Amino acid sequence: MRSQLRMYVQVSDESETHIFKIQAIGPMVSFSQPEAQLDRLSNLHVIYQAARASLLTRWSVLTATCAAGNYDYYNTRPRLHIDDNGGIAVLGGSRRVKPDLNDMPAVKHPTKCPRPP
């Protein structure tokens, strides 16, 4: 959709004269205030407002892959937090699992689950 605003990530040298990669990471709204952090492994975590939820995207420079998650505004706005080990977590909001294969939790086959005593 051409009229939709999109968030992009750009990987370049410090002077921005050599651009190595530009990739769209998702749709956004005009009043979004994106928040970005790098974790200890140099993965870029960005949380920003999309149409009905805040979207969290983790982008890896090494593999050029994205992972995403949806967070609803619930009592507090979702925001990024760096823990003592350099990991990134989302504080606030409420996680909403998307109905696609990339965001669903792993489900074990019933024969692989432990039986109650």
C-alpha atoms as a PDB file:
ATOM      1  CA  MET A   1       0.000   0.000   0.000  1.00  0.00           C
ATOM      2  CA  ARG A   2       1.663   3.227  -1.135  1.00  0.00           C
ATOM      3  CA  SER A   3      -0.064   5.591   1.282  1.00  0.00           C
ATOM      4  CA  GLN A   4       1.020   3.605   4.352  1.00  0.00           C
ATOM      5  CA  LEU A   5       3.982   4.850   6.397  1.00  0.00           C
ATOM      6  CA  ARG A   6       6.639   2.194   6.978  1.00  0.00           C
ATOM      7  CA  MET A   7       9.545   1.859   9.401  1.00  0.00           C
ATOM      8  CA  TYR A   8      12.917   1.022   7.826  1.00  0.00           C
ATOM      9  CA  VAL A   9      16.302  -0.010   9.159  1.00  0.00           C
ATOM     10  CA  GLN A  10      19.430   1.201   7.382  1.00  0.00           C
ATOM     11  CA  VAL A  11      22.882  -0.305   7.936  1.00  0.00           C
ATOM     12  CA  SER A  12      25.711   1.998   6.893  1.00  0.00           C
ATOM     13  CA  ASP A  13      29.178   3.117   7.891  1.00  0.00           C
ATOM     14  CA  GLU A  14      29.533   5.848  10.515  1.00  0.00           C
ATOM     15  CA  SER A  15      29.611   8.665   7.950  1.00  0.00           C
ATOM     16  CA  GLU A  16      26.575   7.167   6.133  1.00  0.00           C
ATOM     17  CA  THR A  17      28.435   7.407   2.804  1.00  0.00           C
ATOM     18  CA  HIS A  18      28.336   3.625   2.286  1.00  0.00           C
ATOM     19  CA  ILE A  19      24.919   2.006   2.751  1.00  0.00           C
ATOM     20  CA  PHE A  20      25.079  -1.766   3.141  1.00  0.00           C
ATOM     21  CA  LYS A  21      21.396  -2.625   3.619  1.00  0.00           C
ATOM     22  CA  ILE A  22      17.969  -0.984   3.805  1.00  0.00           C
ATOM     23  CA  GLN A  23      15.033  -3.098   4.882  1.00  0.00           C
ATOM     24  CA  ALA A  24      11.412  -2.354   5.749  1.00  0.00           C
ATOM     25  CA  ILE A  25      10.566  -3.622   9.205  1.00  0.00           C
ATOM     26  CA  GLY A  26       6.874  -2.771   9.378  1.00  0.00           C
ATOM     27  CA  PRO A  27       3.990  -0.312   9.060  1.00  0.00           C
ATOM     28  CA  MET A  28       3.715   2.637  11.442  1.00  0.00           C
ATOM     29  CA  VAL A  29       1.511   5.628  12.209  1.00  0.00           C
ATOM     30  CA  SER A  30       2.598   9.251  11.844  1.00  0.00           C
ATOM     31  CA  PHE A  31       2.460  10.001  15.591  1.00  0.00           C
ATOM     32  CA  SER A  32       4.649   7.024  16.522  1.00  0.00           C
ATOM     33  CA  GLN A  33       7.655   7.746  18.731  1.00  0.00           C
ATOM     34  CA  PRO A  34      10.003   4.840  17.925  1.00  0.00           C
ATOM     35  CA  GLU A  35      12.383   3.613  20.596  1.00  0.00           C
ATOM     36  CA  ALA A  36      15.507   1.696  19.557  1.00  0.00           C
ATOM     37  CA  GLN A  37      18.194  -0.188  21.523  1.00  0.00           C
ATOM     38  CA  LEU A  38      21.088  -2.485  20.657  1.00  0.00           C
ATOM     39  CA  ASP A  39      21.538  -5.623  22.750  1.00  0.00           C
ATOM     40  CA  ARG A  40      24.875  -7.182  23.726  1.00  0.00           C
ATOM     41  CA  LEU A  41      24.897  -9.204  20.472  1.00  0.00           C
ATOM     42  CA  SER A  42      24.323  -6.057  18.343  1.00  0.00           C
ATOM     43  CA  ASN A  43      20.745  -7.011  17.479  1.00  0.00           C
ATOM     44  CA  LEU A  44      18.608  -3.919  16.943  1.00  0.00           C
ATOM     45  CA  HIS A  45      15.354  -3.835  18.920  1.00  0.00           C
ATOM     46  CA  VAL A  46      12.781  -1.233  17.847  1.00  0.00           C
ATOM     47  CA  ILE A  47       9.367  -0.687  19.383  1.00  0.00           C
ATOM     48  CA  TYR A  48       6.970   1.681  17.625  1.00  0.00           C
ATOM     49  CA  GLN A  49       3.268   2.383  17.225  1.00  0.00           C
ATOM     50  CA  ALA A  50       1.397   0.744  14.358  1.00  0.00           C
ATOM     51  CA  ALA A  51      -2.332   0.932  13.619  1.00  0.00           C
ATOM     52  CA  ARG A  52      -3.737  -0.911  16.660  1.00  0.00           C
ATOM     53  CA  ALA A  53      -0.705  -2.039  18.640  1.00  0.00           C
ATOM     54  CA  SER A  54       2.918  -1.365  19.387  1.00  0.00           C
ATOM     55  CA  LEU A  55       5.205  -3.497  17.274  1.00  0.00           C
ATOM     56  CA  LEU A  56       8.516  -4.818  18.519  1.00  0.00           C
ATOM     57  CA  THR A  57      11.038  -5.786  15.869  1.00  0.00           C
ATOM     58  CA  ARG A  58      14.391  -7.427  16.514  1.00  0.00           C
ATOM     59  CA  TRP A  59      16.749  -7.120  13.546  1.00  0.00           C
ATOM     60  CA  SER A  60      20.036  -8.987  13.303  1.00  0.00           C
ATOM     61  CA  VAL A  61      22.854  -7.328  11.359  1.00  0.00           C
ATOM     62  CA  LEU A  62      24.689 -10.632  10.991  1.00  0.00           C
ATOM     63  CA  THR A  63      21.820 -12.635   9.519  1.00  0.00           C
ATOM     64  CA  ALA A  64      19.693  -9.753   8.155  1.00  0.00           C
ATOM     65  CA  THR A  65      16.585 -11.335   9.670  1.00  0.00           C
ATOM     66  CA  CYS A  66      13.694  -9.889  11.609  1.00  0.00           C
ATOM     67  CA  ALA A  67      11.543 -11.234  14.409  1.00  0.00           C
ATOM     68  CA  ALA A  68       8.454  -9.392  15.566  1.00  0.00           C
ATOM     69  CA  GLY A  69       5.938  -9.196  18.379  1.00  0.00           C
ATOM     70  CA  ASN A  70       2.756  -7.225  19.083  1.00  0.00           C
ATOM     71  CA  TYR A  71       2.093  -5.372  22.334  1.00  0.00           C
ATOM     72  CA  ASP A  72      -1.173  -3.683  23.280  1.00  0.00           C
ATOM     73  CA  TYR A  73      -1.284  -0.565  25.420  1.00  0.00           C
ATOM     74  CA  TYR A  74      -2.590  -1.942  28.716  1.00  0.00           C
ATOM     75  CA  ASN A  75      -2.296   0.397  31.717  1.00  0.00           C
ATOM     76  CA  THR A  76       1.188   1.498  30.540  1.00  0.00           C
ATOM     77  CA  ARG A  77       2.853   2.060  27.194  1.00  0.00           C
ATOM     78  CA  PRO A  78       5.189  -0.758  26.096  1.00  0.00           C
ATOM     79  CA  ARG A  79       8.837   0.342  26.232  1.00  0.00           C
ATOM     80  CA  LEU A  80      12.278  -1.220  25.916  1.00  0.00           C
ATOM     81  CA  HIS A  81      14.409  -2.052  28.955  1.00  0.00           C
ATOM     82  CA  ILE A  82      18.063  -3.142  29.049  1.00  0.00           C
ATOM     83  CA  ASP A  83      18.792  -5.723  31.753  1.00  0.00           C
ATOM     84  CA  ASP A  84      22.091  -6.126  33.642  1.00  0.00           C
ATOM     85  CA  ASN A  85      23.328  -8.710  31.102  1.00  0.00           C
ATOM     86  CA  GLY A  86      22.740  -6.446  28.085  1.00  0.00           C
ATOM     87  CA  GLY A  87      19.544  -8.191  27.027  1.00  0.00           C
ATOM     88  CA  ILE A  88      16.456  -6.293  25.894  1.00  0.00           C
ATOM     89  CA  ALA A  89      12.991  -6.806  27.364  1.00  0.00           C
ATOM     90  CA  VAL A  90       9.658  -5.032  26.924  1.00  0.00           C
ATOM     91  CA  LEU A  91       8.190  -3.430  30.032  1.00  0.00           C
ATOM     92  CA  GLY A  92       4.556  -2.396  30.138  1.00  0.00           C
ATOM     93  CA  GLY A  93       1.758  -3.186  27.788  1.00  0.00           C
ATOM     94  CA  SER A  94       0.426  -6.666  27.159  1.00  0.00           C
ATOM     95  CA  ARG A  95       1.907  -9.148  24.667  1.00  0.00           C
ATOM     96  CA  ARG A  96      -0.496 -10.298  21.937  1.00  0.00           C
ATOM     97  CA  VAL A  97       0.527 -13.380  19.971  1.00  0.00           C
ATOM     98  CA  LYS A  98      -0.022 -12.970  16.236  1.00  0.00           C
ATOM     99  CA  PRO A  99      -1.768 -15.781  14.354  1.00  0.00           C
ATOM    100  CA  ASP A 100       1.190 -16.593  12.114  1.00  0.00           C
ATOM    101  CA  LEU A 101       3.870 -19.242  12.396  1.00  0.00           C
ATOM    102  CA  ASN A 102       6.684 -16.791  13.283  1.00  0.00           C
ATOM    103  CA  ASP A 103       5.066 -15.597  16.492  1.00  0.00           C
ATOM    104  CA  MET A 104       3.314 -18.647  17.868  1.00  0.00           C
ATOM    105  CA  PRO A 105       4.736 -20.458  20.873  1.00  0.00           C
ATOM    106  CA  ALA A 106       6.008 -23.961  20.221  1.00  0.00           C
ATOM    107  CA  VAL A 107       3.376 -26.608  20.889  1.00  0.00           C
ATOM    108  CA  LYS A 108       4.490 -30.066  21.951  1.00  0.00           C
ATOM    109  CA  HIS A 109       2.828 -33.167  20.586  1.00  0.00           C
ATOM    110  CA  PRO A 110       0.674 -34.791  23.305  1.00  0.00           C
ATOM    111  CA  THR A 111       2.923 -37.865  23.382  1.00  0.00           C
ATOM    112  CA  LYS A 112       5.911 -35.631  24.255  1.00  0.00           C
ATOM    113  CA  CYS A 113       4.210 -34.014  27.275  1.00  0.00           C
ATOM    114  CA  PRO A 114       4.810 -35.354  30.780  1.00  0.00           C
ATOM    115  CA  ARG A 115       1.873 -37.212  32.282  1.00  0.00           C
ATOM    116  CA  PRO A 116       0.438 -36.105  35.611  1.00  0.00           C
ATOM    117  CA  PRO A 117       1.285 -38.410  38.566  1.00  0.00           C
END
